[in-house]
Amino acid sequence: MKIPKPTVKRLAVYYRCLDNMLNEGKTYVSSKELAERLKIKSSQVRKDLSYFGEFGKRGVGYNVKNLIAELKKIIGIDRRWRVVVVGAGNIGRAITNYPGLYKNRFDVIAVFDSDPAKIGLSAGVAGPVKPMSDLKEVVSSKKVEIGVIAVPAEAAQDVAEQLVDAGVKGIVNFAPVTIDVSPEIVVEDVDITVSFKTLAYHLRKYGKNR
């Protein structure tokens, strides 16, 4: 059964919310309470979770700890993932050293760049920046499955092809351009300007309706 992409994204949000609840000391939570925290409908929560089984008890709700464990398996973070970042600029370094990645079981093991001036400089937790010529060997020897593109738009397609050739199975693309890769490669595009433009649209619309 094919799961709708919005559902998959919401699962990650449910996981984050439940993790916060667990830290607050909550043992059980209802779909209504979870929905209220996330400002969505409780029916949406129940529908999303129903794709994967029955996790709650009527009149009791969901066991927070158990549901977190189930979501870990469903999402795929019941194991650690090895990640490489291409692009040692501001975005690449920020991604590499973001503690939330490690907490959620994503380990950035290397950062690459094509600029000779950046090779050898510290990339933080991933060690010194490596040349692109080392990409294939690192991906192969370390069994890396995820690549991150953090380069300018004009370089993104070439980097994507190099990552695929090296053997990665999924790409998170921070470049403001659509990359063209084979269908079996999973791509997640992250363009922060899209969020700002969406916000601008709603602010302008709200302003006109005041």
C-alpha atoms as a PDB file:
ATOM      1  CA  MET A   1       0.000   0.000   0.000  1.00  0.00           C
ATOM      2  CA  LYS A   2       1.350   3.402  -0.986  1.00  0.00           C
ATOM      3  CA  ILE A   3       1.309   5.866   1.904  1.00  0.00           C
ATOM      4  CA  PRO A   4       0.504   9.511   1.012  1.00  0.00           C
ATOM      5  CA  LYS A   5       3.559  11.757   1.259  1.00  0.00           C
ATOM      6  CA  PRO A   6       1.811  14.269   3.583  1.00  0.00           C
ATOM      7  CA  THR A   7       1.108  11.380   5.970  1.00  0.00           C
ATOM      8  CA  VAL A   8       4.785  10.429   6.067  1.00  0.00           C
ATOM      9  CA  LYS A   9       5.723  14.027   6.868  1.00  0.00           C
ATOM     10  CA  ARG A  10       3.139  14.167   9.645  1.00  0.00           C
ATOM     11  CA  LEU A  11       4.519  10.973  11.184  1.00  0.00           C
ATOM     12  CA  ALA A  12       7.803  12.788  11.767  1.00  0.00           C
ATOM     13  CA  VAL A  13       5.887  15.653  13.400  1.00  0.00           C
ATOM     14  CA  TYR A  14       3.956  13.201  15.599  1.00  0.00           C
ATOM     15  CA  TYR A  15       7.242  11.642  16.645  1.00  0.00           C
ATOM     16  CA  ARG A  16       8.701  15.013  17.646  1.00  0.00           C
ATOM     17  CA  CYS A  17       5.583  15.964  19.596  1.00  0.00           C
ATOM     18  CA  LEU A  18       5.413  12.613  21.381  1.00  0.00           C
ATOM     19  CA  ASP A  19       9.092  12.840  22.281  1.00  0.00           C
ATOM     20  CA  ASN A  20       8.416  16.220  23.880  1.00  0.00           C
ATOM     21  CA  MET A  21       5.438  14.748  25.744  1.00  0.00           C
ATOM     22  CA  LEU A  22       7.575  11.888  27.036  1.00  0.00           C
ATOM     23  CA  ASN A  23      10.091  14.416  28.351  1.00  0.00           C
ATOM     24  CA  GLU A  24       7.199  16.173  30.098  1.00  0.00           C
ATOM     25  CA  GLY A  25       6.396  12.942  31.910  1.00  0.00           C
ATOM     26  CA  LYS A  26       3.235  11.989  29.991  1.00  0.00           C
ATOM     27  CA  THR A  27       2.436   8.284  29.867  1.00  0.00           C
ATOM     28  CA  TYR A  28      -0.708   8.273  27.723  1.00  0.00           C
ATOM     29  CA  VAL A  29      -2.087  10.698  25.163  1.00  0.00           C
ATOM     30  CA  SER A  30      -5.343  10.792  23.207  1.00  0.00           C
ATOM     31  CA  SER A  31      -5.588  11.546  19.500  1.00  0.00           C
ATOM     32  CA  LYS A  32      -7.505  14.681  20.492  1.00  0.00           C
ATOM     33  CA  GLU A  33      -4.707  15.994  22.702  1.00  0.00           C
ATOM     34  CA  LEU A  34      -2.053  15.187  20.113  1.00  0.00           C
ATOM     35  CA  ALA A  35      -4.121  16.905  17.426  1.00  0.00           C
ATOM     36  CA  GLU A  36      -4.699  19.990  19.574  1.00  0.00           C
ATOM     37  CA  ARG A  37      -0.978  20.403  20.125  1.00  0.00           C
ATOM     38  CA  LEU A  38      -0.360  20.243  16.395  1.00  0.00           C
ATOM     39  CA  LYS A  39      -3.452  22.258  15.424  1.00  0.00           C
ATOM     40  CA  ILE A  40      -4.912  19.546  13.213  1.00  0.00           C
ATOM     41  CA  LYS A  41      -8.005  17.315  13.436  1.00  0.00           C
ATOM     42  CA  SER A  42      -7.961  14.248  15.675  1.00  0.00           C
ATOM     43  CA  SER A  43      -9.496  12.269  12.805  1.00  0.00           C
ATOM     44  CA  GLN A  44      -6.371  13.053  10.777  1.00  0.00           C
ATOM     45  CA  VAL A  45      -4.133  11.645  13.508  1.00  0.00           C
ATOM     46  CA  ARG A  46      -6.187   8.455  13.702  1.00  0.00           C
ATOM     47  CA  LYS A  47      -6.279   8.072   9.927  1.00  0.00           C
ATOM     48  CA  ASP A  48      -2.519   8.546   9.558  1.00  0.00           C
ATOM     49  CA  LEU A  49      -1.731   5.979  12.239  1.00  0.00           C
ATOM     50  CA  SER A  50      -4.337   3.509  10.940  1.00  0.00           C
ATOM     51  CA  TYR A  51      -2.227   2.945   7.807  1.00  0.00           C
ATOM     52  CA  PHE A  52       0.223   1.063  10.017  1.00  0.00           C
ATOM     53  CA  GLY A  53      -1.979  -0.696  12.563  1.00  0.00           C
ATOM     54  CA  GLU A  54      -3.939  -0.147  15.755  1.00  0.00           C
ATOM     55  CA  PHE A  55      -1.842   1.501  18.445  1.00  0.00           C
ATOM     56  CA  GLY A  56      -4.330   3.014  20.891  1.00  0.00           C
ATOM     57  CA  LYS A  57      -6.988   1.778  23.287  1.00  0.00           C
ATOM     58  CA  ARG A  58     -10.478   3.254  23.272  1.00  0.00           C
ATOM     59  CA  GLY A  59     -11.002   5.391  26.358  1.00  0.00           C
ATOM     60  CA  VAL A  60      -7.304   5.257  27.247  1.00  0.00           C
ATOM     61  CA  GLY A  61      -5.426   6.610  24.250  1.00  0.00           C
ATOM     62  CA  TYR A  62      -1.908   5.874  23.102  1.00  0.00           C
ATOM     63  CA  ASN A  63       0.929   4.736  25.326  1.00  0.00           C
ATOM     64  CA  VAL A  64       3.444   7.494  24.540  1.00  0.00           C
ATOM     65  CA  LYS A  65       6.583   5.389  24.953  1.00  0.00           C
ATOM     66  CA  ASN A  66       5.203   2.497  22.911  1.00  0.00           C
ATOM     67  CA  LEU A  67       3.950   4.751  20.117  1.00  0.00           C
ATOM     68  CA  ILE A  68       7.347   6.443  19.902  1.00  0.00           C
ATOM     69  CA  ALA A  69       8.962   3.007  19.521  1.00  0.00           C
ATOM     70  CA  GLU A  70       6.486   2.065  16.772  1.00  0.00           C
ATOM     71  CA  LEU A  71       7.014   5.344  14.921  1.00  0.00           C
ATOM     72  CA  LYS A  72      10.779   4.844  15.082  1.00  0.00           C
ATOM     73  CA  LYS A  73      10.358   1.564  13.209  1.00  0.00           C
ATOM     74  CA  ILE A  74       7.834   2.976  10.739  1.00  0.00           C
ATOM     75  CA  ILE A  75       9.887   6.071   9.920  1.00  0.00           C
ATOM     76  CA  GLY A  76      13.128   4.099   9.836  1.00  0.00           C
ATOM     77  CA  ILE A  77      15.014   5.702  12.699  1.00  0.00           C
ATOM     78  CA  ASP A  78      15.273   2.537  14.759  1.00  0.00           C
ATOM     79  CA  ARG A  79      18.782   2.367  13.256  1.00  0.00           C
ATOM     80  CA  ARG A  80      21.506   4.911  12.531  1.00  0.00           C
ATOM     81  CA  TRP A  81      21.982   6.410   9.054  1.00  0.00           C
ATOM     82  CA  ARG A  82      25.290   7.577   7.613  1.00  0.00           C
ATOM     83  CA  VAL A  83      25.247  10.878   5.760  1.00  0.00           C
ATOM     84  CA  VAL A  84      27.677  12.873   3.618  1.00  0.00           C
ATOM     85  CA  VAL A  85      27.330  16.588   2.915  1.00  0.00           C
ATOM     86  CA  VAL A  86      28.562  18.186  -0.295  1.00  0.00           C
ATOM     87  CA  GLY A  87      29.203  21.890   0.163  1.00  0.00           C
ATOM     88  CA  ALA A  88      31.268  23.335   3.007  1.00  0.00           C
ATOM     89  CA  GLY A  89      29.640  26.763   2.980  1.00  0.00           C
ATOM     90  CA  ASN A  90      27.357  28.195   5.640  1.00  0.00           C
ATOM     91  CA  ILE A  91      24.445  25.847   4.929  1.00  0.00           C
ATOM     92  CA  GLY A  92      26.619  22.751   4.704  1.00  0.00           C
ATOM     93  CA  ARG A  93      28.381  23.509   7.976  1.00  0.00           C
ATOM     94  CA  ALA A  94      25.124  24.319   9.746  1.00  0.00           C
ATOM     95  CA  ILE A  95      23.609  20.996   8.657  1.00  0.00           C
ATOM     96  CA  THR A  96      26.729  19.064   9.601  1.00  0.00           C
ATOM     97  CA  ASN A  97      26.856  20.455  13.118  1.00  0.00           C
ATOM     98  CA  TYR A  98      23.130  20.496  13.860  1.00  0.00           C
ATOM     99  CA  PRO A  99      22.755  18.331  17.012  1.00  0.00           C
ATOM    100  CA  GLY A 100      19.181  17.395  16.095  1.00  0.00           C
ATOM    101  CA  LEU A 101      20.461  15.179  13.289  1.00  0.00           C
ATOM    102  CA  TYR A 102      22.569  13.043  15.613  1.00  0.00           C
ATOM    103  CA  LYS A 103      19.748  12.874  18.151  1.00  0.00           C
ATOM    104  CA  ASN A 104      17.447  11.548  15.426  1.00  0.00           C
ATOM    105  CA  ARG A 105      20.009   8.933  14.350  1.00  0.00           C
ATOM    106  CA  PHE A 106      21.588  10.628  11.346  1.00  0.00           C
ATOM    107  CA  ASP A 107      25.397  10.735  11.443  1.00  0.00           C
ATOM    108  CA  VAL A 108      27.234  13.142   9.127  1.00  0.00           C
ATOM    109  CA  ILE A 109      30.523  11.339   8.623  1.00  0.00           C
ATOM    110  CA  ALA A 110      32.135  13.546   5.968  1.00  0.00           C
ATOM    111  CA  VAL A 111      31.864  16.913   4.220  1.00  0.00           C
ATOM    112  CA  PHE A 112      33.102  17.483   0.673  1.00  0.00           C
ATOM    113  CA  ASP A 113      33.821  20.559  -1.420  1.00  0.00           C
ATOM    114  CA  SER A 114      35.328  21.364  -4.810  1.00  0.00           C
ATOM    115  CA  ASP A 115      37.000  24.585  -3.624  1.00  0.00           C
ATOM    116  CA  PRO A 116      40.711  23.904  -2.964  1.00  0.00           C
ATOM    117  CA  ALA A 117      40.722  26.717  -0.388  1.00  0.00           C
ATOM    118  CA  LYS A 118      38.245  24.787   1.775  1.00  0.00           C
ATOM    119  CA  ILE A 119      39.892  21.368   1.602  1.00  0.00           C
ATOM    120  CA  GLY A 120      41.384  20.437   4.951  1.00  0.00           C
ATOM    121  CA  LEU A 121      39.511  23.074   6.924  1.00  0.00           C
ATOM    122  CA  SER A 122      37.513  21.868   9.914  1.00  0.00           C
ATOM    123  CA  ALA A 123      33.887  20.959   9.218  1.00  0.00           C
ATOM    124  CA  GLY A 124      33.170  20.420  12.898  1.00  0.00           C
ATOM    125  CA  VAL A 125      31.913  16.994  13.945  1.00  0.00           C
ATOM    126  CA  ALA A 126      32.695  15.521  10.506  1.00  0.00           C
ATOM    127  CA  GLY A 127      36.382  16.409  10.640  1.00  0.00           C
ATOM    128  CA  PRO A 128      38.299  18.179   7.866  1.00  0.00           C
ATOM    129  CA  VAL A 129      36.628  19.000   4.542  1.00  0.00           C
ATOM    130  CA  LYS A 130      37.479  16.404   1.912  1.00  0.00           C
ATOM    131  CA  PRO A 131      37.994  16.825  -1.857  1.00  0.00           C
ATOM    132  CA  MET A 132      35.292  15.589  -4.223  1.00  0.00           C
ATOM    133  CA  SER A 133      37.747  13.019  -5.556  1.00  0.00           C
ATOM    134  CA  ASP A 134      37.322  11.122  -2.264  1.00  0.00           C
ATOM    135  CA  LEU A 135      33.509  10.996  -2.449  1.00  0.00           C
ATOM    136  CA  LYS A 136      33.063   7.611  -4.105  1.00  0.00           C
ATOM    137  CA  GLU A 137      35.574   5.849  -1.867  1.00  0.00           C
ATOM    138  CA  VAL A 138      34.044   7.255   1.330  1.00  0.00           C
ATOM    139  CA  VAL A 139      30.454   6.453   0.312  1.00  0.00           C
ATOM    140  CA  SER A 140      31.443   2.911  -0.645  1.00  0.00           C
ATOM    141  CA  SER A 141      33.721   2.087   2.295  1.00  0.00           C
ATOM    142  CA  LYS A 142      31.465   3.655   4.941  1.00  0.00           C
ATOM    143  CA  LYS A 143      28.238   2.336   3.378  1.00  0.00           C
ATOM    144  CA  VAL A 144      26.696   5.811   3.197  1.00  0.00           C
ATOM    145  CA  GLU A 145      23.064   5.899   2.029  1.00  0.00           C
ATOM    146  CA  ILE A 146      22.163   9.586   2.287  1.00  0.00           C
ATOM    147  CA  GLY A 147      23.769  12.551   0.549  1.00  0.00           C
ATOM    148  CA  VAL A 148      23.084  16.222   1.205  1.00  0.00           C
ATOM    149  CA  ILE A 149      23.451  18.849  -1.527  1.00  0.00           C
ATOM    150  CA  ALA A 150      24.421  22.223  -0.074  1.00  0.00           C
ATOM    151  CA  VAL A 151      25.921  23.914  -3.122  1.00  0.00           C
ATOM    152  CA  PRO A 152      24.797  26.743  -5.439  1.00  0.00           C
ATOM    153  CA  ALA A 153      22.026  25.930  -7.928  1.00  0.00           C
ATOM    154  CA  GLU A 154      24.358  25.781 -10.916  1.00  0.00           C
ATOM    155  CA  ALA A 155      26.417  23.002  -9.309  1.00  0.00           C
ATOM    156  CA  ALA A 156      23.557  20.932  -7.891  1.00  0.00           C
ATOM    157  CA  GLN A 157      22.896  18.633 -10.861  1.00  0.00           C
ATOM    158  CA  ASP A 158      26.547  17.650 -11.202  1.00  0.00           C
ATOM    159  CA  VAL A 159      26.778  16.969  -7.468  1.00  0.00           C
ATOM    160  CA  ALA A 160      23.584  14.893  -7.588  1.00  0.00           C
ATOM    161  CA  GLU A 161      25.027  12.749 -10.369  1.00  0.00           C
ATOM    162  CA  GLN A 162      28.253  12.254  -8.439  1.00  0.00           C
ATOM    163  CA  LEU A 163      26.344  11.230  -5.318  1.00  0.00           C
ATOM    164  CA  VAL A 164      24.246   8.714  -7.254  1.00  0.00           C
ATOM    165  CA  ASP A 165      27.338   7.360  -9.003  1.00  0.00           C
ATOM    166  CA  ALA A 166      29.014   6.995  -5.606  1.00  0.00           C
ATOM    167  CA  GLY A 167      26.122   4.852  -4.405  1.00  0.00           C
ATOM    168  CA  VAL A 168      23.819   6.958  -2.217  1.00  0.00           C
ATOM    169  CA  LYS A 169      20.156   5.932  -2.192  1.00  0.00           C
ATOM    170  CA  GLY A 170      18.601   9.189  -1.000  1.00  0.00           C
ATOM    171  CA  ILE A 171      19.350  12.894  -1.403  1.00  0.00           C
ATOM    172  CA  VAL A 172      18.333  15.928   0.625  1.00  0.00           C
ATOM    173  CA  ASN A 173      18.646  18.846  -1.774  1.00  0.00           C
ATOM    174  CA  PHE A 174      19.093  22.313  -0.274  1.00  0.00           C
ATOM    175  CA  ALA A 175      19.929  23.899  -3.641  1.00  0.00           C
ATOM    176  CA  PRO A 176      17.124  26.080  -5.072  1.00  0.00           C
ATOM    177  CA  VAL A 177      16.728  23.946  -8.180  1.00  0.00           C
ATOM    178  CA  THR A 178      15.106  20.643  -9.146  1.00  0.00           C
ATOM    179  CA  ILE A 179      17.626  17.879  -9.745  1.00  0.00           C
ATOM    180  CA  ASP A 180      17.139  15.093 -12.290  1.00  0.00           C
ATOM    181  CA  VAL A 181      18.045  11.619 -11.035  1.00  0.00           C
ATOM    182  CA  SER A 182      16.773   8.093 -11.639  1.00  0.00           C
ATOM    183  CA  PRO A 183      13.366   7.267 -10.103  1.00  0.00           C
ATOM    184  CA  GLU A 184      14.778   4.800  -7.577  1.00  0.00           C
ATOM    185  CA  ILE A 185      16.718   7.603  -5.861  1.00  0.00           C
ATOM    186  CA  VAL A 186      14.609   9.263  -3.167  1.00  0.00           C
ATOM    187  CA  VAL A 187      14.908  13.059  -3.220  1.00  0.00           C
ATOM    188  CA  GLU A 188      13.727  15.547  -0.609  1.00  0.00           C
ATOM    189  CA  ASP A 189      13.918  19.190  -1.711  1.00  0.00           C
ATOM    190  CA  VAL A 190      14.401  21.779   1.022  1.00  0.00           C
ATOM    191  CA  ASP A 191      14.204  25.376  -0.233  1.00  0.00           C
ATOM    192  CA  ILE A 192      13.877  27.762   2.687  1.00  0.00           C
ATOM    193  CA  THR A 193      12.773  30.584   0.383  1.00  0.00           C
ATOM    194  CA  VAL A 194       9.605  28.615  -0.439  1.00  0.00           C
ATOM    195  CA  SER A 195       8.571  28.868   3.220  1.00  0.00           C
ATOM    196  CA  PHE A 196       9.243  32.605   3.232  1.00  0.00           C
ATOM    197  CA  LYS A 197       7.263  33.106   0.012  1.00  0.00           C
ATOM    198  CA  THR A 198       4.365  31.070   1.391  1.00  0.00           C
ATOM    199  CA  LEU A 199       4.426  33.176   4.544  1.00  0.00           C
ATOM    200  CA  ALA A 200       4.534  36.387   2.493  1.00  0.00           C
ATOM    201  CA  TYR A 201       1.476  35.252   0.526  1.00  0.00           C
ATOM    202  CA  HIS A 202      -0.536  34.588   3.684  1.00  0.00           C
ATOM    203  CA  LEU A 203       0.589  37.833   5.329  1.00  0.00           C
ATOM    204  CA  ARG A 204      -0.403  39.833   2.261  1.00  0.00           C
ATOM    205  CA  LYS A 205      -3.737  38.036   2.030  1.00  0.00           C
ATOM    206  CA  TYR A 206      -4.354  38.594   5.741  1.00  0.00           C
ATOM    207  CA  GLY A 207      -3.471  42.276   5.381  1.00  0.00           C
ATOM    208  CA  LYS A 208      -5.972  42.725   2.564  1.00  0.00           C
ATOM    209  CA  ASN A 209      -8.719  41.078   4.611  1.00  0.00           C
ATOM    210  CA  ARG A 210      -8.220  43.145   7.771  1.00  0.00           C
END
